[in-house]
Amino acid sequence: MTNRILSKHIGIIAVGSGLIGASIYLMMINVTLAHIEEVSGHVPFDMRPFGYGSIEAAMLLEALGVEGRAYYLTHQIALDTLYPAMLTLTLIATICWFGQRMPNRKLVRYGIALSVGSALFDYAENLGIATMIWSWPEVSVPLIYATPPARGRPRCAGNQPVGIERGL
């Protein structure tokens, strides 16, 4: 009975969570990340697909100032905490929706594992950025170099909206 109810509503879950995730993504790109770039004059961490070094991180954090760093934490990180969950829910629901007709469910399990793994890497990135902001001006160099790889791995695992790489 549960499988029947789930299979009946999984498409609605996939579409609904996809629309919510896309809305959050657009809000991040057009509002919070645009504001951070405008205030600092530098590209925010979330829009650097190839990472950043300690100099770039220090320049951004310094240019943001106290209010800009607080905005990054309260607005951008808050939205970027919701986004991976919505994207993961969308991916899992879509994989399950289309996977209902697949005789070999192994690919479905791999897809779900990759979706969850991608979200975890995105959360690791967010935690690294938040830690850099909280610890400013005494940011550890290893943290700066550990945060971008956590960000890059989700892209490899498929954690990006249909062909769009965060504003690029």
Protein backbone atom coordinates (compact mmCIF):
# COMPACT_ATOMS: atom_id res chain seq x y z
CA MET A 1 0.00 0.00 0.00
CA THR A 2 2.80 2.43 0.91
CA ASN A 3 4.59 1.81 -2.39
CA ARG A 4 1.36 2.48 -4.25
CA ILE A 5 0.80 5.80 -2.45
CA LEU A 6 4.44 6.78 -2.94
CA SER A 7 4.44 5.91 -6.63
CA LYS A 8 1.24 7.92 -7.05
CA HIS A 9 2.71 11.09 -5.52
CA ILE A 10 6.41 10.86 -6.33
CA GLY A 11 6.04 12.91 -9.52
CA ILE A 12 4.32 15.71 -7.63
CA ILE A 13 7.09 15.65 -5.04
CA ALA A 14 9.74 15.77 -7.78
CA VAL A 15 8.14 18.71 -9.58
CA GLY A 16 7.23 20.62 -6.41
CA SER A 17 10.64 20.30 -4.79
CA GLY A 18 12.25 21.16 -8.13
CA LEU A 19 10.27 24.38 -8.36
CA ILE A 20 11.10 25.31 -4.77
CA GLY A 21 14.79 24.49 -5.35
CA ALA A 22 14.88 26.54 -8.56
CA SER A 23 13.26 29.47 -6.74
CA ILE A 24 15.85 29.32 -3.97
CA TYR A 25 18.64 29.10 -6.55
CA LEU A 26 17.35 32.12 -8.46
CA MET A 27 17.01 34.08 -5.23
CA MET A 28 20.60 33.27 -4.31
CA ILE A 29 21.97 34.25 -7.71
CA ASN A 30 19.88 37.37 -8.25
CA VAL A 31 19.58 38.69 -4.69
CA THR A 32 22.02 37.47 -2.04
CA LEU A 33 25.08 36.68 -4.16
CA ALA A 34 24.54 39.79 -6.28
CA HIS A 35 24.34 41.89 -3.09
CA ILE A 36 27.51 40.31 -1.67
CA GLU A 37 29.37 41.03 -4.90
CA GLU A 38 28.05 44.60 -5.00
CA VAL A 39 29.03 45.31 -1.37
CA SER A 40 32.48 43.72 -1.58
CA GLY A 41 33.48 44.30 -5.18
CA HIS A 42 34.62 40.66 -5.26
CA VAL A 43 33.10 37.43 -6.51
CA PRO A 44 31.49 35.56 -3.57
CA PHE A 45 32.81 32.16 -2.53
CA ASP A 46 29.71 30.44 -3.90
CA MET A 47 30.37 31.72 -7.43
CA ARG A 48 33.96 30.55 -7.74
CA PRO A 49 33.80 27.17 -9.48
CA PHE A 50 37.57 26.77 -9.50
CA GLY A 51 38.08 27.67 -5.87
CA TYR A 52 40.14 30.41 -4.28
CA GLY A 53 43.33 30.88 -2.38
CA SER A 54 44.07 32.53 0.93
CA ILE A 55 44.65 35.93 -0.69
CA GLU A 56 41.30 35.90 -2.54
CA ALA A 57 39.48 34.72 0.59
CA ALA A 58 41.10 37.40 2.73
CA MET A 59 40.32 40.11 0.15
CA LEU A 60 36.65 39.10 0.03
CA LEU A 61 36.25 38.79 3.79
CA GLU A 62 37.98 42.12 4.40
CA ALA A 63 35.98 43.91 1.69
CA LEU A 64 32.68 42.59 3.09
CA GLY A 65 33.21 44.31 6.41
CA VAL A 66 31.30 43.38 9.54
CA GLU A 67 27.85 43.99 8.04
CA GLY A 68 28.66 42.16 4.80
CA ARG A 69 29.96 39.12 6.68
CA ALA A 70 26.82 39.11 8.83
CA TYR A 71 24.69 39.32 5.66
CA TYR A 72 26.61 36.39 4.15
CA LEU A 73 25.87 34.28 7.23
CA THR A 74 22.25 35.28 7.76
CA HIS A 75 21.07 35.46 4.16
CA GLN A 76 23.31 33.52 1.77
CA ILE A 77 24.29 30.66 4.05
CA ALA A 78 20.67 30.37 5.22
CA LEU A 79 19.43 29.99 1.64
CA ASP A 80 22.34 27.73 0.73
CA THR A 81 21.34 25.48 3.61
CA LEU A 82 17.88 24.96 2.11
CA TYR A 83 19.02 24.59 -1.49
CA PRO A 84 20.99 21.29 -1.24
CA ALA A 85 18.10 19.66 0.61
CA MET A 86 15.59 20.71 -2.06
CA LEU A 87 17.90 19.68 -4.89
CA THR A 88 18.52 16.31 -3.25
CA LEU A 89 14.81 15.75 -2.70
CA THR A 90 14.18 16.65 -6.35
CA LEU A 91 16.89 14.30 -7.59
CA ILE A 92 15.81 11.40 -5.36
CA ALA A 93 12.12 11.81 -6.23
CA THR A 94 12.91 12.05 -9.95
CA ILE A 95 15.23 9.04 -9.83
CA CYS A 96 12.60 7.00 -7.96
CA TRP A 97 9.86 8.22 -10.30
CA PHE A 98 11.68 7.11 -13.43
CA GLY A 99 13.28 4.17 -11.65
CA GLN A 100 9.89 2.55 -11.00
CA ARG A 101 10.01 1.10 -14.49
CA MET A 102 13.59 -0.10 -14.30
CA PRO A 103 14.11 -3.82 -13.80
CA ASN A 104 17.54 -3.27 -12.21
CA ARG A 105 17.15 -1.03 -9.15
CA LYS A 106 20.92 -0.87 -8.64
CA LEU A 107 21.19 2.31 -10.71
CA VAL A 108 18.43 3.88 -8.65
CA ARG A 109 20.35 3.18 -5.44
CA TYR A 110 23.55 4.62 -6.97
CA GLY A 111 21.68 7.74 -8.06
CA ILE A 112 20.23 8.23 -4.60
CA ALA A 113 23.64 7.74 -2.99
CA LEU A 114 25.22 10.31 -5.33
CA SER A 115 22.43 12.79 -4.60
CA VAL A 116 22.86 12.49 -0.85
CA GLY A 117 26.67 12.61 -1.17
CA SER A 118 26.42 15.79 -3.23
CA ALA A 119 24.30 17.46 -0.57
CA LEU A 120 26.78 16.47 2.13
CA PHE A 121 29.65 18.04 0.17
CA ASP A 122 27.60 21.20 -0.30
CA TYR A 123 26.94 21.33 3.44
CA ALA A 124 30.67 20.85 4.09
CA GLU A 125 31.33 23.84 1.83
CA ASN A 126 28.77 25.95 3.69
CA LEU A 127 30.27 24.97 7.03
CA GLY A 128 33.74 25.92 5.76
CA ILE A 129 32.54 29.32 4.53
CA ALA A 130 30.66 30.00 7.78
CA THR A 131 33.73 29.01 9.81
CA MET A 132 35.92 31.36 7.76
CA ILE A 133 33.48 34.22 8.35
CA TRP A 134 33.13 33.49 12.08
CA SER A 135 36.88 33.21 12.60
CA TRP A 136 37.80 36.30 10.55
CA PRO A 137 40.44 37.78 10.71
CA GLU A 138 42.17 34.70 12.09
CA VAL A 139 41.22 32.26 9.35
CA SER A 140 43.40 29.18 9.13
CA VAL A 141 45.01 28.63 5.74
CA PRO A 142 44.20 24.87 5.73
CA LEU A 143 40.50 25.73 6.15
CA ILE A 144 40.66 28.09 3.18
CA TYR A 145 42.20 25.38 1.01
CA ALA A 146 39.84 22.65 2.30
CA THR A 147 36.62 24.55 1.59
CA PRO A 148 36.77 24.89 -2.25
CA PRO A 149 37.39 21.16 -2.84
CA ALA A 150 34.29 20.43 -0.76
CA ARG A 151 32.50 22.79 -3.15
CA GLY A 152 33.96 21.28 -6.31
CA ARG A 153 33.05 17.67 -5.58
CA PRO A 154 29.29 18.22 -5.71
CA ARG A 155 29.63 19.53 -9.26
CA CYS A 156 31.31 16.29 -10.28
CA ALA A 157 28.60 14.25 -8.58
CA GLY A 158 25.81 16.03 -10.41
CA ASN A 159 24.77 18.66 -7.89
CA GLN A 160 24.02 21.46 -10.29
CA PRO A 161 20.82 22.73 -11.77
CA VAL A 162 20.26 21.70 -15.35
CA GLY A 163 23.43 22.92 -17.05
CA ILE A 164 23.83 26.05 -14.94
CA GLU A 165 26.87 26.50 -12.75
CA ARG A 166 26.03 29.10 -10.10
CA GLY A 167 25.90 32.15 -12.28
CA LEU A 168 28.45 31.12 -14.89
